[in-house]
Amino acid sequence: MTVQWPAPTARLLLRAWCEADRAPFRAMNADPRVMACFPSTLTDVQSDALFDRIVAHHAQHGFGLWAVALKAPAGDSALIGFTGLSIPAWQAPFGPCVEIGWRLAHDHWGHGYATEAARSALACGFDVLQLGEIVSFTAAVNHRSARVMQRLGMHHDAADDFDHPALPPGHRLERHVLYRLTRQAWASQP
């Protein structure tokens, strides 16, 4: 299957993953600040397994989570995180669906990179892949990601919120919020 690529943004490249990305990916996934809204940090083995699943998703579906790097001269194409589209591997109560997600190394927070990269991924999803809807979800306590979803023009309906099935009842991250964006709403954005 032909892999689709989002357009570069003013400051960022969304690119294919390479072996040199494994070390910074491990470091990002081991950082408690980055993983605060996930059940735990990832070991090197867990991070490598996630890396391999991301690459396999691209091969299987023609899209996925793209590596994000700063454009030169500001950067050297080194990984600062990821953003992109994926099909959840678990049975979502609102599925089947395509999700947009992101994760950035802590040093790159607060610069608008997540929103900038996600806009490019949404454009690929709606304009190239012709998806009818893209969703995003996060733990209800993850206000930073929810604000990115809002800046992207995604819409939240509390009736769509859910308890994540991979988390035990009562876990601090169990409750998740769901945001949606349709192709029609995307096309009507300024």
Protein backbone atom coordinates (compact mmCIF):
# COMPACT_ATOMS: atom_id res chain seq x y z
CA MET A 1 0.00 0.00 0.00
CA THR A 2 1.24 3.48 -0.84
CA VAL A 3 2.03 5.45 2.28
CA GLN A 4 0.53 8.95 2.37
CA TRP A 5 2.57 11.80 3.83
CA PRO A 6 1.34 15.07 5.29
CA ALA A 7 2.76 18.28 3.94
CA PRO A 8 5.58 19.93 5.90
CA THR A 9 4.47 22.84 8.03
CA ALA A 10 6.13 26.22 8.47
CA ARG A 11 8.45 24.82 11.16
CA LEU A 12 8.11 21.04 11.08
CA LEU A 13 8.70 17.95 8.99
CA LEU A 14 6.35 14.99 9.36
CA ARG A 15 8.44 12.14 8.04
CA ALA A 16 9.06 8.41 7.96
CA TRP A 17 10.59 6.74 11.00
CA CYS A 18 14.24 5.64 10.89
CA GLU A 19 16.43 3.57 13.20
CA ALA A 20 18.08 6.74 14.54
CA ASP A 21 14.68 7.66 16.04
CA ARG A 22 14.67 4.73 18.47
CA ALA A 23 16.91 6.36 21.10
CA PRO A 24 15.04 9.70 21.31
CA PHE A 25 11.74 7.79 21.18
CA ARG A 26 12.85 5.69 24.15
CA ALA A 27 13.89 8.80 26.07
CA MET A 28 10.58 10.54 25.38
CA ASN A 29 8.57 7.47 26.46
CA ALA A 30 10.64 7.11 29.65
CA ASP A 31 10.08 10.73 30.71
CA PRO A 32 7.52 10.89 33.55
CA ARG A 33 6.46 14.40 32.47
CA VAL A 34 5.61 13.23 28.94
CA MET A 35 3.86 10.09 30.19
CA ALA A 36 1.99 11.68 33.12
CA CYS A 37 -1.40 11.03 31.47
CA PHE A 38 -0.56 7.44 30.56
CA PRO A 39 -0.61 4.48 32.95
CA SER A 40 3.20 4.41 33.16
CA THR A 41 6.43 5.30 31.44
CA LEU A 42 7.72 2.76 28.92
CA THR A 43 10.80 0.59 29.25
CA ASP A 44 13.17 0.41 26.29
CA VAL A 45 11.61 -2.92 25.29
CA GLN A 46 8.08 -1.49 25.46
CA SER A 47 9.14 1.61 23.54
CA ASP A 48 10.78 -0.48 20.81
CA ALA A 49 7.63 -2.60 20.54
CA LEU A 50 5.53 0.56 20.11
CA PHE A 51 8.00 1.85 17.51
CA ASP A 52 7.63 -1.41 15.56
CA ARG A 53 3.81 -1.27 15.76
CA ILE A 54 3.85 2.30 14.42
CA VAL A 55 6.00 1.28 11.45
CA ALA A 56 3.80 -1.78 10.81
CA HIS A 57 0.64 0.39 10.90
CA HIS A 58 2.07 2.54 8.09
CA ALA A 59 2.82 -0.54 5.99
CA GLN A 60 -0.63 -2.03 6.59
CA HIS A 61 -2.83 1.07 6.23
CA GLY A 62 -0.83 3.57 4.17
CA PHE A 63 -0.89 6.14 6.98
CA GLY A 64 -0.03 6.28 10.65
CA LEU A 65 1.84 8.22 13.29
CA TRP A 66 4.55 10.25 11.57
CA ALA A 67 7.86 11.19 13.14
CA VAL A 68 8.05 14.94 13.78
CA ALA A 69 11.28 16.92 13.41
CA LEU A 70 12.15 20.61 13.32
CA LYS A 71 12.91 21.95 9.85
CA ALA A 72 16.49 23.02 9.15
CA PRO A 73 18.15 25.39 9.97
CA ALA A 74 16.27 25.25 13.29
CA GLY A 75 16.71 21.50 13.48
CA ASP A 76 18.65 18.60 12.06
CA SER A 77 15.68 16.29 11.35
CA ALA A 78 16.14 14.73 14.80
CA LEU A 79 12.97 13.33 16.30
CA ILE A 80 11.10 15.67 18.66
CA GLY A 81 7.95 13.53 18.84
CA PHE A 82 5.16 12.21 16.68
CA THR A 83 1.72 13.07 15.37
CA GLY A 84 -0.60 11.37 13.00
CA LEU A 85 -3.50 9.10 12.32
CA SER A 86 -4.06 5.59 13.57
CA ILE A 87 -6.72 2.95 13.89
CA PRO A 88 -7.09 1.98 17.55
CA ALA A 89 -6.09 -1.63 18.21
CA TRP A 90 -8.85 -2.02 20.82
CA GLN A 91 -12.63 -2.08 20.44
CA ALA A 92 -13.62 1.54 20.91
CA PRO A 93 -17.26 2.16 21.84
CA PHE A 94 -17.32 4.82 19.10
CA GLY A 95 -15.50 2.71 16.48
CA PRO A 96 -14.52 1.81 13.95
CA CYS A 97 -12.62 5.06 13.69
CA VAL A 98 -9.40 6.82 12.82
CA GLU A 99 -7.78 8.71 15.67
CA ILE A 100 -5.39 11.63 15.57
CA GLY A 101 -2.76 11.69 18.29
CA TRP A 102 0.52 13.32 19.24
CA ARG A 103 3.35 13.12 21.72
CA LEU A 104 6.28 15.52 21.99
CA ALA A 105 9.47 15.45 24.03
CA HIS A 106 9.10 17.77 27.02
CA ASP A 107 11.71 20.24 25.74
CA HIS A 108 9.41 20.96 22.78
CA TRP A 109 6.22 21.70 24.72
CA GLY A 110 4.71 25.17 24.69
CA HIS A 111 5.74 26.12 21.14
CA GLY A 112 2.53 25.16 19.33
CA TYR A 113 4.22 22.23 17.58
CA ALA A 114 1.51 19.68 18.49
CA THR A 115 -1.24 21.83 16.98
CA GLU A 116 0.84 22.72 13.93
CA ALA A 117 1.75 19.10 13.18
CA ALA A 118 -1.79 17.88 13.89
CA ARG A 119 -3.26 20.37 11.40
CA SER A 120 -1.05 18.88 8.70
CA ALA A 121 -2.09 15.35 9.69
CA LEU A 122 -5.78 16.35 9.61
CA ALA A 123 -5.32 17.84 6.14
CA CYS A 124 -3.82 14.54 4.98
CA GLY A 125 -6.68 12.60 6.57
CA PHE A 126 -9.47 14.69 5.10
CA ASP A 127 -8.01 15.98 1.82
CA VAL A 128 -5.86 13.02 0.74
CA LEU A 129 -7.34 9.98 2.49
CA GLN A 130 -10.89 11.38 2.22
CA LEU A 131 -11.86 10.28 5.74
CA GLY A 132 -15.35 11.30 6.82
CA GLU A 133 -14.45 11.82 10.47
CA ILE A 134 -11.37 11.85 12.69
CA VAL A 135 -11.57 11.46 16.47
CA SER A 136 -9.19 12.15 19.31
CA PHE A 137 -9.38 11.03 22.91
CA THR A 138 -7.40 11.39 26.08
CA ALA A 139 -7.71 10.92 29.81
CA ALA A 140 -10.10 13.50 31.23
CA VAL A 141 -7.24 14.89 33.35
CA ASN A 142 -5.10 15.62 30.27
CA HIS A 143 -6.11 19.24 29.82
CA ARG A 144 -3.10 20.06 27.60
CA SER A 145 -4.17 17.57 24.93
CA ALA A 146 -7.81 18.61 25.22
CA ARG A 147 -6.76 22.21 24.50
CA VAL A 148 -4.95 21.04 21.35
CA MET A 149 -8.13 19.25 20.26
CA GLN A 150 -10.11 22.45 20.81
CA ARG A 151 -7.57 24.55 18.86
CA LEU A 152 -7.95 22.07 15.99
CA GLY A 153 -11.68 22.80 15.88
CA MET A 154 -12.66 19.38 17.22
CA HIS A 155 -15.96 19.11 19.06
CA HIS A 156 -16.65 17.51 22.44
CA ASP A 157 -19.95 16.04 23.59
CA ALA A 158 -19.89 14.76 27.18
CA ALA A 159 -22.28 11.98 26.11
CA ASP A 160 -19.37 10.48 24.09
CA ASP A 161 -16.98 10.29 27.07
CA PHE A 162 -16.06 6.76 28.11
CA ASP A 163 -14.12 4.60 30.51
CA HIS A 164 -11.04 3.21 28.77
CA PRO A 165 -11.35 -0.60 28.73
CA ALA A 166 -7.60 -1.14 29.15
CA LEU A 167 -7.63 0.56 32.56
CA PRO A 168 -9.01 -0.95 35.77
CA PRO A 169 -12.15 0.54 37.35
CA GLY A 170 -11.27 3.48 39.56
CA HIS A 171 -7.87 4.14 37.90
CA ARG A 172 -7.09 7.87 37.89
CA LEU A 173 -6.91 7.83 34.05
CA GLU A 174 -9.90 5.57 33.40
CA ARG A 175 -12.33 8.32 32.32
CA HIS A 176 -11.62 9.59 28.80
CA VAL A 177 -12.98 12.49 26.78
CA LEU A 178 -13.72 12.10 23.08
CA TYR A 179 -13.46 14.87 20.50
CA ARG A 180 -14.67 14.59 16.90
CA LEU A 181 -14.09 16.45 13.66
CA THR A 182 -15.94 15.76 10.41
CA ARG A 183 -14.58 16.47 6.95
CA GLN A 184 -17.42 18.95 6.45
CA ALA A 185 -16.53 20.86 9.64
CA TRP A 186 -12.83 20.78 8.64
CA ALA A 187 -13.65 22.22 5.21
CA SER A 188 -15.64 25.06 6.76
CA GLN A 189 -12.79 26.19 9.04
CA PRO A 190 -11.13 29.51 8.09
